[in-house]
Amino acid sequence: FRHTHPEVELTLTESDTTQLLSRLAENKLDASFIRPGRPDPEQVNIHRFKDEPSMAVLPLGHHLAKKRALRLSALSNQPFVIFPRTAGVSLFDEIIDACRRSGFDPVIAHEAPQIWSAANLVSAGLGVSVVPLSIAAQIQVKGVVYLPILGESPVFGLALATRLNERSTIVRNFQSIAAACREI
């Protein structure tokens, strides 16, 4: 977007989905990348990207850490580090629902204040976690291993949220570029 629209000031702000949607509703943001829940949030247009698979996060010394992949049910008796529902309904609900579909209710031992801090808590030995593949690819923490989840596993959405009836040409141009990226 910066390349094709250098005259537009683009500022990136990082926060959880709940706060981003509030700021969008308050006209403090023009557009926001969010983790949408089911159903879609009200009062916004949602432009979904391809869903993202998940990875299990285990401490390096965990008895399952040497596996190449595992089933979610293998974590049924483990304490979980999870992102709080108040900060992002979709991540929390998707993990809980996948665990239940795998035959267990996860024991939530700790809530990670941010999704990217879950691996740090796992590294400290506070439990296991499940994160989107993009987090596993970008957040490398010493003392953890990321493993693909076989079979039933959480799938995480990513979307661009804009206000309903958005009239700004700049935002519509941003949406167009984002739409092209959704296919990648």
C-alpha atoms as a PDB file:
ATOM      1  CA  PHE A   1       0.000   0.000   0.000  1.00  0.00           C
ATOM      2  CA  ARG A   2       2.844   2.396   0.824  1.00  0.00           C
ATOM      3  CA  HIS A   3       4.433   1.648  -2.516  1.00  0.00           C
ATOM      4  CA  THR A   4       1.303   2.402  -4.521  1.00  0.00           C
ATOM      5  CA  HIS A   5       0.067   5.260  -2.294  1.00  0.00           C
ATOM      6  CA  PRO A   6       3.163   7.053  -0.918  1.00  0.00           C
ATOM      7  CA  GLU A   7       1.135  10.204  -0.217  1.00  0.00           C
ATOM      8  CA  VAL A   8      -0.945   8.413   2.445  1.00  0.00           C
ATOM      9  CA  GLU A   9       0.270   8.293   6.036  1.00  0.00           C
ATOM     10  CA  LEU A  10       0.073   4.688   7.197  1.00  0.00           C
ATOM     11  CA  THR A  11       0.410   4.074  10.924  1.00  0.00           C
ATOM     12  CA  LEU A  12       0.409   0.576  12.398  1.00  0.00           C
ATOM     13  CA  THR A  13      -0.991   0.031  15.883  1.00  0.00           C
ATOM     14  CA  GLU A  14      -0.865  -3.331  17.614  1.00  0.00           C
ATOM     15  CA  SER A  15      -3.557  -4.445  20.042  1.00  0.00           C
ATOM     16  CA  ASP A  16      -6.014  -7.264  20.654  1.00  0.00           C
ATOM     17  CA  THR A  17      -9.145  -7.724  18.545  1.00  0.00           C
ATOM     18  CA  THR A  18     -11.531  -6.347  21.163  1.00  0.00           C
ATOM     19  CA  GLN A  19      -9.611  -3.091  21.484  1.00  0.00           C
ATOM     20  CA  LEU A  20      -9.092  -2.760  17.732  1.00  0.00           C
ATOM     21  CA  LEU A  21     -12.815  -3.107  17.048  1.00  0.00           C
ATOM     22  CA  SER A  22     -13.583  -0.504  19.732  1.00  0.00           C
ATOM     23  CA  ARG A  23     -11.105   1.939  18.204  1.00  0.00           C
ATOM     24  CA  LEU A  24     -12.592   1.322  14.769  1.00  0.00           C
ATOM     25  CA  ALA A  25     -16.104   2.061  16.114  1.00  0.00           C
ATOM     26  CA  GLU A  26     -14.807   5.243  17.776  1.00  0.00           C
ATOM     27  CA  ASN A  27     -13.288   6.429  14.449  1.00  0.00           C
ATOM     28  CA  LYS A  28      -9.788   6.219  15.925  1.00  0.00           C
ATOM     29  CA  LEU A  29      -8.798   3.682  13.242  1.00  0.00           C
ATOM     30  CA  ASP A  30      -9.809   3.494   9.586  1.00  0.00           C
ATOM     31  CA  ALA A  31      -9.136  -0.218   9.140  1.00  0.00           C
ATOM     32  CA  SER A  32      -7.832  -3.036  11.286  1.00  0.00           C
ATOM     33  CA  PHE A  33      -6.534  -6.562  10.889  1.00  0.00           C
ATOM     34  CA  ILE A  34      -8.394  -8.729  13.397  1.00  0.00           C
ATOM     35  CA  ARG A  35      -8.997 -12.338  14.371  1.00  0.00           C
ATOM     36  CA  PRO A  36     -12.748 -12.508  13.644  1.00  0.00           C
ATOM     37  CA  GLY A  37     -15.063 -14.711  15.655  1.00  0.00           C
ATOM     38  CA  ARG A  38     -18.243 -16.475  14.727  1.00  0.00           C
ATOM     39  CA  PRO A  39     -20.490 -14.708  13.940  1.00  0.00           C
ATOM     40  CA  ASP A  40     -18.754 -11.700  12.433  1.00  0.00           C
ATOM     41  CA  PRO A  41     -18.615  -8.622  14.667  1.00  0.00           C
ATOM     42  CA  GLU A  42     -21.485  -6.185  14.195  1.00  0.00           C
ATOM     43  CA  GLN A  43     -21.149  -2.702  12.708  1.00  0.00           C
ATOM     44  CA  VAL A  44     -18.115  -3.568  10.572  1.00  0.00           C
ATOM     45  CA  ASN A  45     -17.369  -4.999   7.160  1.00  0.00           C
ATOM     46  CA  ILE A  46     -15.221  -8.103   7.364  1.00  0.00           C
ATOM     47  CA  HIS A  47     -12.872  -9.024   4.532  1.00  0.00           C
ATOM     48  CA  ARG A  48     -11.589 -12.498   5.396  1.00  0.00           C
ATOM     49  CA  PHE A  49      -8.210 -13.944   4.481  1.00  0.00           C
ATOM     50  CA  LYS A  50      -7.378 -17.613   4.136  1.00  0.00           C
ATOM     51  CA  ASP A  51      -7.777 -19.478   7.460  1.00  0.00           C
ATOM     52  CA  GLU A  52      -4.584 -20.380   9.244  1.00  0.00           C
ATOM     53  CA  PRO A  53      -3.674 -23.746  10.822  1.00  0.00           C
ATOM     54  CA  SER A  54      -2.423 -24.046  14.373  1.00  0.00           C
ATOM     55  CA  MET A  55       0.681 -25.351  16.088  1.00  0.00           C
ATOM     56  CA  ALA A  56       1.123 -26.874  19.525  1.00  0.00           C
ATOM     57  CA  VAL A  57       3.694 -25.156  21.744  1.00  0.00           C
ATOM     58  CA  LEU A  58       5.547 -27.424  24.184  1.00  0.00           C
ATOM     59  CA  PRO A  59       8.453 -26.897  26.559  1.00  0.00           C
ATOM     60  CA  LEU A  60      11.629 -28.350  25.063  1.00  0.00           C
ATOM     61  CA  GLY A  61      11.891 -31.002  27.807  1.00  0.00           C
ATOM     62  CA  HIS A  62       8.289 -32.172  27.476  1.00  0.00           C
ATOM     63  CA  HIS A  63       7.832 -35.896  26.832  1.00  0.00           C
ATOM     64  CA  LEU A  64       6.013 -35.131  23.527  1.00  0.00           C
ATOM     65  CA  ALA A  65       8.543 -32.542  22.318  1.00  0.00           C
ATOM     66  CA  LYS A  66      10.550 -34.999  20.218  1.00  0.00           C
ATOM     67  CA  LYS A  67       7.564 -35.981  18.084  1.00  0.00           C
ATOM     68  CA  ARG A  68       7.239 -34.598  14.549  1.00  0.00           C
ATOM     69  CA  ALA A  69       3.522 -33.885  15.043  1.00  0.00           C
ATOM     70  CA  LEU A  70       0.794 -34.789  17.528  1.00  0.00           C
ATOM     71  CA  ARG A  71      -2.941 -35.038  17.928  1.00  0.00           C
ATOM     72  CA  LEU A  72      -4.603 -32.383  20.066  1.00  0.00           C
ATOM     73  CA  SER A  73      -5.943 -35.158  22.311  1.00  0.00           C
ATOM     74  CA  ALA A  74      -2.326 -35.907  23.349  1.00  0.00           C
ATOM     75  CA  LEU A  75      -2.492 -32.659  25.346  1.00  0.00           C
ATOM     76  CA  SER A  76      -5.676 -33.627  27.207  1.00  0.00           C
ATOM     77  CA  ASN A  77      -4.013 -33.911  30.633  1.00  0.00           C
ATOM     78  CA  GLN A  78      -1.728 -30.916  30.248  1.00  0.00           C
ATOM     79  CA  PRO A  79      -2.136 -27.452  31.778  1.00  0.00           C
ATOM     80  CA  PHE A  80      -2.880 -24.919  29.030  1.00  0.00           C
ATOM     81  CA  VAL A  81      -1.573 -21.398  28.535  1.00  0.00           C
ATOM     82  CA  ILE A  82      -4.227 -19.582  26.557  1.00  0.00           C
ATOM     83  CA  PHE A  83      -5.050 -16.124  25.288  1.00  0.00           C
ATOM     84  CA  PRO A  84      -7.876 -14.558  27.375  1.00  0.00           C
ATOM     85  CA  ARG A  85     -11.360 -14.593  25.854  1.00  0.00           C
ATOM     86  CA  THR A  86     -11.901 -10.948  26.809  1.00  0.00           C
ATOM     87  CA  ALA A  87      -9.062  -9.916  24.494  1.00  0.00           C
ATOM     88  CA  GLY A  88      -9.998 -12.082  21.543  1.00  0.00           C
ATOM     89  CA  VAL A  89     -13.065 -14.295  21.435  1.00  0.00           C
ATOM     90  CA  SER A  90     -12.107 -16.176  18.289  1.00  0.00           C
ATOM     91  CA  LEU A  91      -8.707 -17.490  19.413  1.00  0.00           C
ATOM     92  CA  PHE A  92     -10.031 -18.598  22.781  1.00  0.00           C
ATOM     93  CA  ASP A  93     -13.221 -20.174  21.429  1.00  0.00           C
ATOM     94  CA  GLU A  94     -11.487 -21.962  18.569  1.00  0.00           C
ATOM     95  CA  ILE A  95      -8.980 -23.612  20.925  1.00  0.00           C
ATOM     96  CA  ILE A  96     -11.658 -24.636  23.438  1.00  0.00           C
ATOM     97  CA  ASP A  97     -13.969 -25.950  20.698  1.00  0.00           C
ATOM     98  CA  ALA A  98     -11.179 -27.981  19.040  1.00  0.00           C
ATOM     99  CA  CYS A  99     -10.214 -29.513  22.387  1.00  0.00           C
ATOM    100  CA  ARG A 100     -13.839 -30.459  23.039  1.00  0.00           C
ATOM    101  CA  ARG A 101     -14.140 -31.967  19.548  1.00  0.00           C
ATOM    102  CA  SER A 102     -11.021 -33.969  20.454  1.00  0.00           C
ATOM    103  CA  GLY A 103     -12.731 -35.341  23.567  1.00  0.00           C
ATOM    104  CA  PHE A 104     -11.546 -33.126  26.422  1.00  0.00           C
ATOM    105  CA  ASP A 105     -11.959 -29.794  28.164  1.00  0.00           C
ATOM    106  CA  PRO A 106      -8.579 -28.101  28.485  1.00  0.00           C
ATOM    107  CA  VAL A 107      -7.355 -27.191  31.946  1.00  0.00           C
ATOM    108  CA  ILE A 108      -6.475 -23.508  31.704  1.00  0.00           C
ATOM    109  CA  ALA A 109      -3.512 -22.916  33.983  1.00  0.00           C
ATOM    110  CA  HIS A 110      -2.514 -19.410  32.833  1.00  0.00           C
ATOM    111  CA  GLU A 111      -3.708 -16.686  30.518  1.00  0.00           C
ATOM    112  CA  ALA A 112      -1.102 -15.082  28.289  1.00  0.00           C
ATOM    113  CA  PRO A 113      -1.569 -11.297  28.184  1.00  0.00           C
ATOM    114  CA  GLN A 114      -0.798 -11.321  24.443  1.00  0.00           C
ATOM    115  CA  ILE A 115      -0.849 -14.228  21.990  1.00  0.00           C
ATOM    116  CA  TRP A 116       2.871 -13.862  21.280  1.00  0.00           C
ATOM    117  CA  SER A 117       3.710 -14.153  25.002  1.00  0.00           C
ATOM    118  CA  ALA A 118       2.201 -17.658  25.258  1.00  0.00           C
ATOM    119  CA  ALA A 119       5.482 -19.232  24.121  1.00  0.00           C
ATOM    120  CA  ASN A 120       7.380 -17.396  26.872  1.00  0.00           C
ATOM    121  CA  LEU A 121       5.033 -18.824  29.507  1.00  0.00           C
ATOM    122  CA  VAL A 122       5.388 -22.296  27.986  1.00  0.00           C
ATOM    123  CA  SER A 123       9.176 -21.884  28.061  1.00  0.00           C
ATOM    124  CA  ALA A 124       8.910 -21.086  31.778  1.00  0.00           C
ATOM    125  CA  GLY A 125       7.214 -24.457  32.302  1.00  0.00           C
ATOM    126  CA  LEU A 126       3.712 -23.135  32.999  1.00  0.00           C
ATOM    127  CA  GLY A 127       1.962 -25.412  30.511  1.00  0.00           C
ATOM    128  CA  VAL A 128       1.417 -26.049  26.813  1.00  0.00           C
ATOM    129  CA  SER A 129      -0.317 -23.850  24.273  1.00  0.00           C
ATOM    130  CA  VAL A 130      -1.799 -23.676  20.807  1.00  0.00           C
ATOM    131  CA  VAL A 131      -1.043 -20.735  18.529  1.00  0.00           C
ATOM    132  CA  PRO A 132      -1.633 -19.769  14.900  1.00  0.00           C
ATOM    133  CA  LEU A 133       1.040 -20.946  12.447  1.00  0.00           C
ATOM    134  CA  SER A 134       2.090 -17.335  11.756  1.00  0.00           C
ATOM    135  CA  ILE A 135       2.938 -16.820  15.439  1.00  0.00           C
ATOM    136  CA  ALA A 136       4.986 -20.029  15.496  1.00  0.00           C
ATOM    137  CA  ALA A 137       6.826 -18.923  12.362  1.00  0.00           C
ATOM    138  CA  GLN A 138       7.601 -15.428  13.669  1.00  0.00           C
ATOM    139  CA  ILE A 139       8.056 -15.794  17.432  1.00  0.00           C
ATOM    140  CA  GLN A 140      11.068 -17.955  18.166  1.00  0.00           C
ATOM    141  CA  VAL A 141      11.476 -18.529  21.895  1.00  0.00           C
ATOM    142  CA  LYS A 142      14.340 -20.445  23.415  1.00  0.00           C
ATOM    143  CA  GLY A 143      13.130 -23.495  25.296  1.00  0.00           C
ATOM    144  CA  VAL A 144      10.018 -24.319  23.262  1.00  0.00           C
ATOM    145  CA  VAL A 145       9.184 -26.507  20.313  1.00  0.00           C
ATOM    146  CA  TYR A 146       6.329 -25.941  17.861  1.00  0.00           C
ATOM    147  CA  LEU A 147       4.621 -29.059  16.512  1.00  0.00           C
ATOM    148  CA  PRO A 148       1.962 -29.440  13.814  1.00  0.00           C
ATOM    149  CA  ILE A 149      -1.353 -30.764  15.070  1.00  0.00           C
ATOM    150  CA  LEU A 150      -2.745 -33.795  13.252  1.00  0.00           C
ATOM    151  CA  GLY A 151      -6.465 -34.359  12.750  1.00  0.00           C
ATOM    152  CA  GLU A 152      -8.840 -32.175  14.713  1.00  0.00           C
ATOM    153  CA  SER A 153      -7.151 -28.859  15.386  1.00  0.00           C
ATOM    154  CA  PRO A 154      -7.984 -25.195  15.802  1.00  0.00           C
ATOM    155  CA  VAL A 155      -8.133 -23.096  12.643  1.00  0.00           C
ATOM    156  CA  PHE A 156      -7.672 -19.355  13.028  1.00  0.00           C
ATOM    157  CA  GLY A 157      -9.171 -16.643  10.889  1.00  0.00           C
ATOM    158  CA  LEU A 158      -7.637 -13.334   9.931  1.00  0.00           C
ATOM    159  CA  ALA A 159      -9.594 -10.457   8.423  1.00  0.00           C
ATOM    160  CA  LEU A 160      -9.511  -6.800   7.556  1.00  0.00           C
ATOM    161  CA  ALA A 161     -12.253  -4.902   9.398  1.00  0.00           C
ATOM    162  CA  THR A 162     -13.578  -1.555   8.181  1.00  0.00           C
ATOM    163  CA  ARG A 163     -16.579   0.528   9.201  1.00  0.00           C
ATOM    164  CA  LEU A 164     -19.927  -0.139   7.532  1.00  0.00           C
ATOM    165  CA  ASN A 165     -20.624   2.182   4.624  1.00  0.00           C
ATOM    166  CA  GLU A 166     -17.016   3.377   4.528  1.00  0.00           C
ATOM    167  CA  ARG A 167     -16.736   6.190   1.984  1.00  0.00           C
ATOM    168  CA  SER A 168     -13.060   7.034   2.207  1.00  0.00           C
ATOM    169  CA  THR A 169     -11.257   6.451  -1.080  1.00  0.00           C
ATOM    170  CA  ILE A 170      -8.068   5.743   0.857  1.00  0.00           C
ATOM    171  CA  VAL A 171      -9.728   2.977   2.894  1.00  0.00           C
ATOM    172  CA  ARG A 172     -11.358   1.515  -0.220  1.00  0.00           C
ATOM    173  CA  ASN A 173      -7.946   1.472  -1.940  1.00  0.00           C
ATOM    174  CA  PHE A 174      -6.475  -0.271   1.098  1.00  0.00           C
ATOM    175  CA  GLN A 175      -9.323  -2.815   0.961  1.00  0.00           C
ATOM    176  CA  SER A 176      -8.570  -3.471  -2.708  1.00  0.00           C
ATOM    177  CA  ILE A 177      -4.921  -4.223  -2.010  1.00  0.00           C
ATOM    178  CA  ALA A 178      -5.886  -6.403   0.959  1.00  0.00           C
ATOM    179  CA  ALA A 179      -8.399  -8.252  -1.221  1.00  0.00           C
ATOM    180  CA  ALA A 180      -5.622  -9.088  -3.689  1.00  0.00           C
ATOM    181  CA  CYS A 181      -3.527 -10.430  -0.798  1.00  0.00           C
ATOM    182  CA  ARG A 182      -6.393 -12.648   0.440  1.00  0.00           C
ATOM    183  CA  GLU A 183      -5.745 -14.952  -2.485  1.00  0.00           C
ATOM    184  CA  ILE A 184      -2.110 -15.546  -1.493  1.00  0.00           C
END
